[in-house]
Structures are given as structure tokens and as C-alpha cells.
Amino acid sequence: MKQEAINFEQFLGAVDSSCQDFIKDLHDYLIDNDCKPKFEQKSSGYFISYKHTKCNKSIANLFFRKKGLYIRIYGERANEYLDFLNTLP
């Protein structure tokens, strides 16, 4: 079955209204700092993966599970981008 393409606005619409400003700020920050998002529809809900364009490694994932929205920040080689992590909201 072909998955339907989604965009950030659809993802944001699925986020609880109390968290939408934070998620929008985080998304804008990652985009402004050379991260490229990839949007997907998973069985548990929407999923966004952000990869930094210089190292082409996943920096963060935003996804839904039964208990709500999760943000996973990858710490592998985190010492190489501590300045970036320290600026996250």
C-alpha cells in the first residue's frame, strides 16, 4: 500500500495545541540550521526525521505513540555538535 505524503502543517495539526508553538519553533530552528526534514505516515501516526545536511546523520525524530508525541534527539557524536544542542529550545 502506497503511503500518502504529508507535510509539516498536517503533522502540527496532530500535535496537542499546548505544544504546537514549541514544535513549530523547534522545526524552524532545525530548518534554519541546515537540517532537512523527511515526513512520513507510520502505522502509529505521523513521523518526521531531521538530518543535518553536512553529516547526513539523523539529528532528531518527532513521532507519535499511544501515549502521545515523542522527540528523540540522537546523542551519537553529540560532542561534535554541542553548540547546536545547547541552543535548542
Protein backbone atom coordinates (compact mmCIF):
# COMPACT_ATOMS: atom_id res chain seq x y z
CA MET A 1 0.00 0.00 0.00
CA LYS A 2 1.40 3.39 -1.02
CA GLN A 3 1.81 5.84 1.83
CA GLU A 4 0.27 9.27 1.45
CA ALA A 5 2.72 12.18 1.51
CA ILE A 6 2.33 14.52 4.46
CA ASN A 7 3.68 17.97 5.25
CA PHE A 8 4.60 19.90 8.38
CA GLU A 9 1.20 21.56 8.68
CA GLN A 10 -0.50 18.16 8.85
CA PHE A 11 1.97 16.99 11.48
CA LEU A 12 1.47 20.18 13.50
CA GLY A 13 -2.30 19.75 13.30
CA ALA A 14 -1.97 16.38 15.05
CA VAL A 15 0.05 17.91 17.92
CA ASP A 16 -1.71 19.00 21.10
CA SER A 17 -2.39 22.74 20.94
CA SER A 18 -0.38 23.36 24.12
CA CYS A 19 2.77 22.06 22.36
CA GLN A 20 2.30 23.48 18.87
CA ASP A 21 4.34 26.65 19.42
CA PHE A 22 7.27 24.63 20.78
CA ILE A 23 7.15 22.16 17.88
CA LYS A 24 6.95 24.99 15.33
CA ASP A 25 9.92 26.75 16.97
CA LEU A 26 11.91 23.52 17.01
CA HIS A 27 11.08 22.80 13.35
CA ASP A 28 12.02 26.34 12.29
CA TYR A 29 15.24 26.16 14.27
CA LEU A 30 16.29 22.86 12.73
CA ILE A 31 15.49 24.11 9.21
CA ASP A 32 17.43 27.35 9.84
CA ASN A 33 20.42 25.29 10.99
CA ASP A 34 20.79 23.17 7.84
CA CYS A 35 18.59 20.23 8.79
CA LYS A 36 16.38 18.66 6.16
CA PRO A 37 13.07 17.10 7.26
CA LYS A 38 11.58 13.91 5.89
CA PHE A 39 7.86 13.46 6.56
CA GLU A 40 6.24 10.03 6.74
CA GLN A 41 2.99 8.38 7.73
CA LYS A 42 3.65 5.43 10.04
CA SER A 43 1.13 2.97 11.48
CA SER A 44 1.24 4.82 14.82
CA GLY A 45 0.89 8.27 13.23
CA TYR A 46 2.97 10.96 11.63
CA PHE A 47 6.77 10.86 11.75
CA ILE A 48 9.43 13.49 10.96
CA SER A 49 13.13 12.77 10.71
CA TYR A 50 15.62 15.66 10.57
CA LYS A 51 19.04 15.07 9.03
CA HIS A 52 21.84 17.59 9.11
CA THR A 53 22.98 18.34 5.57
CA LYS A 54 26.72 18.39 6.39
CA CYS A 55 26.99 14.97 8.01
CA ASN A 56 23.79 13.42 6.61
CA LYS A 57 23.06 11.90 10.03
CA SER A 58 19.74 11.95 11.81
CA ILE A 59 19.72 14.68 14.42
CA ALA A 60 16.17 14.30 15.72
CA ASN A 61 12.91 12.44 15.17
CA LEU A 62 9.43 13.58 16.12
CA PHE A 63 6.80 10.84 16.21
CA PHE A 64 3.59 9.67 17.84
CA ARG A 65 2.98 6.65 20.03
CA LYS A 66 -0.07 5.64 22.04
CA LYS A 67 0.91 7.95 24.89
CA GLY A 68 1.48 10.97 22.66
CA LEU A 69 4.24 12.87 20.90
CA TYR A 70 7.89 11.91 21.38
CA ILE A 71 11.02 13.79 20.40
CA ARG A 72 14.18 11.71 20.05
CA ILE A 73 17.49 13.56 19.81
CA TYR A 74 20.39 11.38 18.78
CA GLY A 75 23.41 11.75 21.02
CA GLU A 76 25.91 9.77 18.97
CA ARG A 77 28.91 12.01 18.46
CA ALA A 78 27.00 14.70 20.38
CA ASN A 79 30.30 16.26 21.41
CA GLU A 80 30.69 17.30 17.76
CA TYR A 81 27.57 19.48 17.87
CA LEU A 82 27.19 20.53 21.50
CA ASP A 83 26.89 24.19 20.49
CA PHE A 84 23.91 23.25 18.35
CA LEU A 85 22.27 21.15 21.10
CA ASN A 86 22.75 23.90 23.68
CA THR A 87 20.70 26.28 21.55
CA LEU A 88 17.61 24.05 21.29
CA PRO A 89 14.51 25.47 22.98
